[in-house]
Amino acid sequence: MAAPAGFEYVVRGGDVVIRHHGTTATVLRGAKAAVFLAEVDAGDPQLLMARVTGNYRRGNERAAKRHPRNAS
């Protein structure tokens, strides 16, 4: 699986706007924005932004949910 790419973020006042390929993916405000800004320096910013926006999943979740070994 390829590493996430195409994300960027902009800080506007107390808000953090995260974009994916130029389109706004999400806006973080308040405590979530503060936590994001603290974590972005500590790790991989692209992976963090993918995780925050939910854009790290790639289509096999439904198939995995229906697989016999995952049946409860």
PDB file of N, CA and C in Angstrom:
ATOM      1  N   MET A   1       0.843  -1.164   0.000  1.00  0.00           N
ATOM      2  CA  MET A   1       0.000   0.000   0.000  1.00  0.00           C
ATOM      3  C   MET A   1       0.895   1.237   0.000  1.00  0.00           C
ATOM      4  N   ALA A   2       0.551   2.182  -0.823  1.00  0.00           N
ATOM      5  CA  ALA A   2       1.339   3.410  -0.934  1.00  0.00           C
ATOM      6  C   ALA A   2       1.072   4.325   0.254  1.00  0.00           C
ATOM      7  N   ALA A   3       2.049   5.133   0.570  1.00  0.00           N
ATOM      8  CA  ALA A   3       1.889   6.108   1.650  1.00  0.00           C
ATOM      9  C   ALA A   3       0.918   7.189   1.211  1.00  0.00           C
ATOM     10  N   PRO A   4       0.137   7.740   2.142  1.00  0.00           N
ATOM     11  CA  PRO A   4      -0.787   8.804   1.791  1.00  0.00           C
ATOM     12  C   PRO A   4      -0.041  10.017   1.254  1.00  0.00           C
ATOM     13  N   ALA A   5      -0.634  10.695   0.306  1.00  0.00           N
ATOM     14  CA  ALA A   5      -0.018  11.893  -0.273  1.00  0.00           C
ATOM     15  C   ALA A   5      -1.118  12.831  -0.729  1.00  0.00           C
ATOM     16  N   GLY A   6      -0.742  14.071  -0.986  1.00  0.00           N
ATOM     17  CA  GLY A   6      -1.698  15.043  -1.504  1.00  0.00           C
ATOM     18  C   GLY A   6      -2.398  15.862  -0.450  1.00  0.00           C
ATOM     19  N   PHE A   7      -2.037  15.689   0.806  1.00  0.00           N
ATOM     20  CA  PHE A   7      -2.666  16.448   1.880  1.00  0.00           C
ATOM     21  C   PHE A   7      -1.855  17.700   2.185  1.00  0.00           C
ATOM     22  N   GLU A   8      -2.550  18.730   2.593  1.00  0.00           N
ATOM     23  CA  GLU A   8      -1.917  19.950   3.095  1.00  0.00           C
ATOM     24  C   GLU A   8      -2.838  20.543   4.143  1.00  0.00           C
ATOM     25  N   TYR A   9      -2.260  21.329   5.035  1.00  0.00           N
ATOM     26  CA  TYR A   9      -3.097  21.985   6.043  1.00  0.00           C
ATOM     27  C   TYR A   9      -2.712  23.448   6.160  1.00  0.00           C
ATOM     28  N   VAL A  10      -3.713  24.246   6.549  1.00  0.00           N
ATOM     29  CA  VAL A  10      -3.540  25.677   6.728  1.00  0.00           C
ATOM     30  C   VAL A  10      -4.138  26.043   8.076  1.00  0.00           C
ATOM     31  N   VAL A  11      -3.416  26.830   8.855  1.00  0.00           N
ATOM     32  CA  VAL A  11      -3.919  27.300  10.142  1.00  0.00           C
ATOM     33  C   VAL A  11      -4.548  28.668   9.927  1.00  0.00           C
ATOM     34  N   ARG A  12      -5.814  28.785  10.291  1.00  0.00           N
ATOM     35  CA  ARG A  12      -6.543  30.056  10.168  1.00  0.00           C
ATOM     36  C   ARG A  12      -7.132  30.396  11.533  1.00  0.00           C
ATOM     37  N   GLY A  13      -6.489  31.307  12.213  1.00  0.00           N
ATOM     38  CA  GLY A  13      -6.926  31.636  13.569  1.00  0.00           C
ATOM     39  C   GLY A  13      -6.685  30.442  14.468  1.00  0.00           C
ATOM     40  N   GLY A  14      -7.740  29.904  15.057  1.00  0.00           N
ATOM     41  CA  GLY A  14      -7.630  28.708  15.873  1.00  0.00           C
ATOM     42  C   GLY A  14      -8.041  27.455  15.132  1.00  0.00           C
ATOM     43  N   ASP A  15      -8.436  27.586  13.859  1.00  0.00           N
ATOM     44  CA  ASP A  15      -8.899  26.450  13.066  1.00  0.00           C
ATOM     45  C   ASP A  15      -7.778  25.884  12.202  1.00  0.00           C
ATOM     46  N   VAL A  16      -7.875  24.606  11.897  1.00  0.00           N
ATOM     47  CA  VAL A  16      -6.951  23.957  10.978  1.00  0.00           C
ATOM     48  C   VAL A  16      -7.782  23.400   9.826  1.00  0.00           C
ATOM     49  N   VAL A  17      -7.499  23.863   8.619  1.00  0.00           N
ATOM     50  CA  VAL A  17      -8.197  23.394   7.426  1.00  0.00           C
ATOM     51  C   VAL A  17      -7.292  22.380   6.740  1.00  0.00           C
ATOM     52  N   ILE A  18      -7.799  21.157   6.557  1.00  0.00           N
ATOM     53  CA  ILE A  18      -7.038  20.103   5.891  1.00  0.00           C
ATOM     54  C   ILE A  18      -7.626  19.908   4.503  1.00  0.00           C
ATOM     55  N   ARG A  19      -6.746  19.958   3.505  1.00  0.00           N
ATOM     56  CA  ARG A  19      -7.167  19.790   2.112  1.00  0.00           C
ATOM     57  C   ARG A  19      -6.509  18.552   1.534  1.00  0.00           C
ATOM     58  N   HIS A  20      -7.230  17.924   0.628  1.00  0.00           N
ATOM     59  CA  HIS A  20      -6.701  16.769  -0.105  1.00  0.00           C
ATOM     60  C   HIS A  20      -6.823  17.074  -1.584  1.00  0.00           C
ATOM     61  N   HIS A  21      -5.687  17.211  -2.244  1.00  0.00           N
ATOM     62  CA  HIS A  21      -5.621  17.602  -3.660  1.00  0.00           C
ATOM     63  C   HIS A  21      -6.406  18.876  -3.924  1.00  0.00           C
ATOM     64  N   GLY A  22      -6.294  19.851  -3.023  1.00  0.00           N
ATOM     65  CA  GLY A  22      -6.902  21.160  -3.215  1.00  0.00           C
ATOM     66  C   GLY A  22      -8.334  21.294  -2.748  1.00  0.00           C
ATOM     67  N   THR A  23      -8.990  20.202  -2.378  1.00  0.00           N
ATOM     68  CA  THR A  23     -10.369  20.240  -1.920  1.00  0.00           C
ATOM     69  C   THR A  23     -10.387  20.103  -0.404  1.00  0.00           C
ATOM     70  N   THR A  24     -11.167  20.945   0.260  1.00  0.00           N
ATOM     71  CA  THR A  24     -11.250  20.882   1.714  1.00  0.00           C
ATOM     72  C   THR A  24     -11.820  19.544   2.139  1.00  0.00           C
ATOM     73  N   ALA A  25     -11.067  18.816   2.955  1.00  0.00           N
ATOM     74  CA  ALA A  25     -11.492  17.511   3.446  1.00  0.00           C
ATOM     75  C   ALA A  25     -12.154  17.636   4.813  1.00  0.00           C
ATOM     76  N   THR A  26     -11.593  18.480   5.671  1.00  0.00           N
ATOM     77  CA  THR A  26     -12.168  18.679   7.000  1.00  0.00           C
ATOM     78  C   THR A  26     -11.610  19.952   7.613  1.00  0.00           C
ATOM     79  N   VAL A  27     -12.316  20.446   8.634  1.00  0.00           N
ATOM     80  CA  VAL A  27     -11.874  21.606   9.400  1.00  0.00           C
ATOM     81  C   VAL A  27     -11.856  21.191  10.864  1.00  0.00           C
ATOM     82  N   LEU A  28     -10.719  21.359  11.510  1.00  0.00           N
ATOM     83  CA  LEU A  28     -10.582  21.037  12.927  1.00  0.00           C
ATOM     84  C   LEU A  28     -10.649  22.329  13.727  1.00  0.00           C
ATOM     85  N   ARG A  29     -11.398  22.288  14.808  1.00  0.00           N
ATOM     86  CA  ARG A  29     -11.545  23.474  15.659  1.00  0.00           C
ATOM     87  C   ARG A  29     -11.287  23.101  17.116  1.00  0.00           C
ATOM     88  N   GLY A  30     -10.909  24.085  17.885  1.00  0.00           N
ATOM     89  CA  GLY A  30     -10.762  23.922  19.326  1.00  0.00           C
ATOM     90  C   GLY A  30      -9.698  22.928  19.728  1.00  0.00           C
ATOM     91  N   ALA A  31     -10.091  22.009  20.629  1.00  0.00           N
ATOM     92  CA  ALA A  31      -9.149  21.048  21.190  1.00  0.00           C
ATOM     93  C   ALA A  31      -8.606  20.103  20.122  1.00  0.00           C
ATOM     94  N   LYS A  32      -9.448  19.708  19.166  1.00  0.00           N
ATOM     95  CA  LYS A  32      -8.978  18.804  18.107  1.00  0.00           C
ATOM     96  C   LYS A  32      -7.896  19.465  17.260  1.00  0.00           C
ATOM     97  N   ALA A  33      -8.037  20.755  17.001  1.00  0.00           N
ATOM     98  CA  ALA A  33      -7.017  21.478  16.243  1.00  0.00           C
ATOM     99  C   ALA A  33      -5.717  21.560  17.027  1.00  0.00           C
ATOM    100  N   ALA A  34      -5.810  21.794  18.325  1.00  0.00           N
ATOM    101  CA  ALA A  34      -4.610  21.889  19.160  1.00  0.00           C
ATOM    102  C   ALA A  34      -3.883  20.548  19.221  1.00  0.00           C
ATOM    103  N   VAL A  35      -4.628  19.463  19.361  1.00  0.00           N
ATOM    104  CA  VAL A  35      -4.020  18.126  19.395  1.00  0.00           C
ATOM    105  C   VAL A  35      -3.375  17.816  18.051  1.00  0.00           C
ATOM    106  N   PHE A  36      -4.047  18.166  16.959  1.00  0.00           N
ATOM    107  CA  PHE A  36      -3.495  17.930  15.625  1.00  0.00           C
ATOM    108  C   PHE A  36      -2.175  18.666  15.446  1.00  0.00           C
ATOM    109  N   LEU A  37      -2.131  19.927  15.824  1.00  0.00           N
ATOM    110  CA  LEU A  37      -0.905  20.717  15.658  1.00  0.00           C
ATOM    111  C   LEU A  37       0.237  20.175  16.513  1.00  0.00           C
ATOM    112  N   ALA A  38      -0.091  19.622  17.675  1.00  0.00           N
ATOM    113  CA  ALA A  38       0.949  19.026  18.518  1.00  0.00           C
ATOM    114  C   ALA A  38       1.473  17.729  17.910  1.00  0.00           C
ATOM    115  N   GLU A  39       0.584  16.938  17.297  1.00  0.00           N
ATOM    116  CA  GLU A  39       0.978  15.649  16.738  1.00  0.00           C
ATOM    117  C   GLU A  39       1.638  15.767  15.372  1.00  0.00           C
ATOM    118  N   VAL A  40       1.338  16.829  14.635  1.00  0.00           N
ATOM    119  CA  VAL A  40       1.846  16.935  13.268  1.00  0.00           C
ATOM    120  C   VAL A  40       3.369  17.065  13.244  1.00  0.00           C
ATOM    121  N   ASP A  41       3.948  17.667  14.267  1.00  0.00           N
ATOM    122  CA  ASP A  41       5.402  17.804  14.331  1.00  0.00           C
ATOM    123  C   ASP A  41       6.084  16.522  14.790  1.00  0.00           C
ATOM    124  N   ALA A  42       5.350  15.682  15.507  1.00  0.00           N
ATOM    125  CA  ALA A  42       5.945  14.486  16.088  1.00  0.00           C
ATOM    126  C   ALA A  42       6.016  13.305  15.121  1.00  0.00           C
ATOM    127  N   GLY A  43       5.152  13.280  14.098  1.00  0.00           N
ATOM    128  CA  GLY A  43       5.117  12.106  13.230  1.00  0.00           C
ATOM    129  C   GLY A  43       5.023  12.475  11.765  1.00  0.00           C
ATOM    130  N   ASP A  44       4.499  11.546  10.974  1.00  0.00           N
ATOM    131  CA  ASP A  44       4.324  11.731   9.540  1.00  0.00           C
ATOM    132  C   ASP A  44       3.064  12.557   9.298  1.00  0.00           C
ATOM    133  N   PRO A  45       3.195  13.793   8.826  1.00  0.00           N
ATOM    134  CA  PRO A  45       2.017  14.644   8.658  1.00  0.00           C
ATOM    135  C   PRO A  45       1.022  14.091   7.645  1.00  0.00           C
ATOM    136  N   GLN A  46       1.493  13.458   6.573  1.00  0.00           N
ATOM    137  CA  GLN A  46       0.580  12.920   5.569  1.00  0.00           C
ATOM    138  C   GLN A  46      -0.280  11.797   6.161  1.00  0.00           C
ATOM    139  N   LEU A  47       0.326  10.918   6.906  1.00  0.00           N
ATOM    140  CA  LEU A  47      -0.409   9.825   7.530  1.00  0.00           C
ATOM    141  C   LEU A  47      -1.387  10.352   8.568  1.00  0.00           C
ATOM    142  N   LEU A  48      -0.973  11.319   9.343  1.00  0.00           N
ATOM    143  CA  LEU A  48      -1.848  11.912  10.352  1.00  0.00           C
ATOM    144  C   LEU A  48      -3.064  12.556   9.698  1.00  0.00           C
ATOM    145  N   MET A  49      -2.851  13.313   8.624  1.00  0.00           N
ATOM    146  CA  MET A  49      -3.984  13.960   7.950  1.00  0.00           C
ATOM    147  C   MET A  49      -4.905  12.933   7.310  1.00  0.00           C
ATOM    148  N   ALA A  50      -4.362  11.856   6.783  1.00  0.00           N
ATOM    149  CA  ALA A  50      -5.195  10.792   6.227  1.00  0.00           C
ATOM    150  C   ALA A  50      -6.044  10.150   7.320  1.00  0.00           C
ATOM    151  N   ARG A  51      -5.434   9.940   8.478  1.00  0.00           N
ATOM    152  CA  ARG A  51      -6.160   9.341   9.598  1.00  0.00           C
ATOM    153  C   ARG A  51      -7.265  10.260  10.096  1.00  0.00           C
ATOM    154  N   VAL A  52      -6.966  11.544  10.209  1.00  0.00           N
ATOM    155  CA  VAL A  52      -7.940  12.505  10.724  1.00  0.00           C
ATOM    156  C   VAL A  52      -9.134  12.647   9.775  1.00  0.00           C
ATOM    157  N   THR A  53      -8.869  12.623   8.477  1.00  0.00           N
ATOM    158  CA  THR A  53      -9.953  12.791   7.503  1.00  0.00           C
ATOM    159  C   THR A  53     -10.668  11.498   7.185  1.00  0.00           C
ATOM    160  N   GLY A  54     -10.120  10.360   7.602  1.00  0.00           N
ATOM    161  CA  GLY A  54     -10.748   9.081   7.292  1.00  0.00           C
ATOM    162  C   GLY A  54     -10.408   8.593   5.898  1.00  0.00           C
ATOM    163  N   ASN A  55      -9.424   9.189   5.263  1.00  0.00           N
ATOM    164  CA  ASN A  55      -9.083   8.853   3.888  1.00  0.00           C
ATOM    165  C   ASN A  55      -7.998   7.788   3.800  1.00  0.00           C
ATOM    166  N   TYR A  56      -7.836   7.003   4.837  1.00  0.00           N
ATOM    167  CA  TYR A  56      -6.811   5.968   4.809  1.00  0.00           C
ATOM    168  C   TYR A  56      -7.417   4.603   4.515  1.00  0.00           C
ATOM    169  N   ARG A  57      -8.720   4.514   4.455  1.00  0.00           N
ATOM    170  CA  ARG A  57      -9.386   3.253   4.142  1.00  0.00           C
ATOM    171  C   ARG A  57      -9.549   3.155   2.638  1.00  0.00           C
ATOM    172  N   ARG A  58      -9.394   1.987   2.121  1.00  0.00           N
ATOM    173  CA  ARG A  58      -9.374   1.847   0.669  1.00  0.00           C
ATOM    174  C   ARG A  58     -10.227   0.717   0.131  1.00  0.00           C
ATOM    175  N   GLY A  59     -11.474   0.591   0.579  1.00  0.00           N
ATOM    176  CA  GLY A  59     -12.422  -0.237  -0.128  1.00  0.00           C
ATOM    177  C   GLY A  59     -12.564  -1.688   0.261  1.00  0.00           C
ATOM    178  N   ASN A  60     -11.661  -2.267   1.019  1.00  0.00           N
ATOM    179  CA  ASN A  60     -11.804  -3.683   1.317  1.00  0.00           C
ATOM    180  C   ASN A  60     -12.496  -3.931   2.650  1.00  0.00           C
ATOM    181  N   GLU A  61     -13.012  -2.906   3.292  1.00  0.00           N
ATOM    182  CA  GLU A  61     -13.610  -3.079   4.609  1.00  0.00           C
ATOM    183  C   GLU A  61     -14.878  -3.926   4.545  1.00  0.00           C
ATOM    184  N   ARG A  62     -15.721  -3.704   3.538  1.00  0.00           N
ATOM    185  CA  ARG A  62     -16.967  -4.472   3.457  1.00  0.00           C
ATOM    186  C   ARG A  62     -16.676  -5.936   3.175  1.00  0.00           C
ATOM    187  N   ALA A  63     -15.758  -6.189   2.279  1.00  0.00           N
ATOM    188  CA  ALA A  63     -15.417  -7.579   1.964  1.00  0.00           C
ATOM    189  C   ALA A  63     -14.837  -8.270   3.191  1.00  0.00           C
ATOM    190  N   ALA A  64     -14.016  -7.589   3.943  1.00  0.00           N
ATOM    191  CA  ALA A  64     -13.423  -8.175   5.140  1.00  0.00           C
ATOM    192  C   ALA A  64     -14.475  -8.432   6.208  1.00  0.00           C
ATOM    193  N   LYS A  65     -15.455  -7.564   6.295  1.00  0.00           N
ATOM    194  CA  LYS A  65     -16.504  -7.730   7.299  1.00  0.00           C
ATOM    195  C   LYS A  65     -17.324  -8.991   7.017  1.00  0.00           C
ATOM    196  N   ARG A  66     -17.520  -9.319   5.750  1.00  0.00           N
ATOM    197  CA  ARG A  66     -18.332 -10.479   5.382  1.00  0.00           C
ATOM    198  C   ARG A  66     -17.534 -11.785   5.334  1.00  0.00           C
ATOM    199  N   HIS A  67     -16.231 -11.720   5.497  1.00  0.00           N
ATOM    200  CA  HIS A  67     -15.403 -12.920   5.428  1.00  0.00           C
ATOM    201  C   HIS A  67     -15.748 -13.854   6.596  1.00  0.00           C
ATOM    202  N   PRO A  68     -15.792 -15.174   6.344  1.00  0.00           N
ATOM    203  CA  PRO A  68     -16.186 -16.130   7.395  1.00  0.00           C
ATOM    204  C   PRO A  68     -15.346 -16.050   8.669  1.00  0.00           C
ATOM    205  N   ARG A  69     -14.064 -15.779   8.562  1.00  0.00           N
ATOM    206  CA  ARG A  69     -13.252 -15.748   9.784  1.00  0.00           C
ATOM    207  C   ARG A  69     -13.584 -14.551  10.664  1.00  0.00           C
ATOM    208  N   ASN A  70     -14.234 -13.512  10.100  1.00  0.00           N
ATOM    209  CA  ASN A  70     -14.606 -12.338  10.883  1.00  0.00           C
ATOM    210  C   ASN A  70     -16.049 -12.392  11.366  1.00  0.00           C
ATOM    211  N   ALA A  71     -16.760 -13.435  11.021  1.00  0.00           N
ATOM    212  CA  ALA A  71     -18.156 -13.577  11.467  1.00  0.00           C
ATOM    213  C   ALA A  71     -18.175 -13.823  12.970  1.00  0.00           C
ATOM    214  N   SER A  72     -19.116 -13.200  13.618  1.00  0.00           N
ATOM    215  CA  SER A  72     -19.163 -13.390  15.077  1.00  0.00           C
ATOM    216  C   SER A  72     -20.282 -14.298  15.505  1.00  0.00           C
TER     217      SER A  72
END
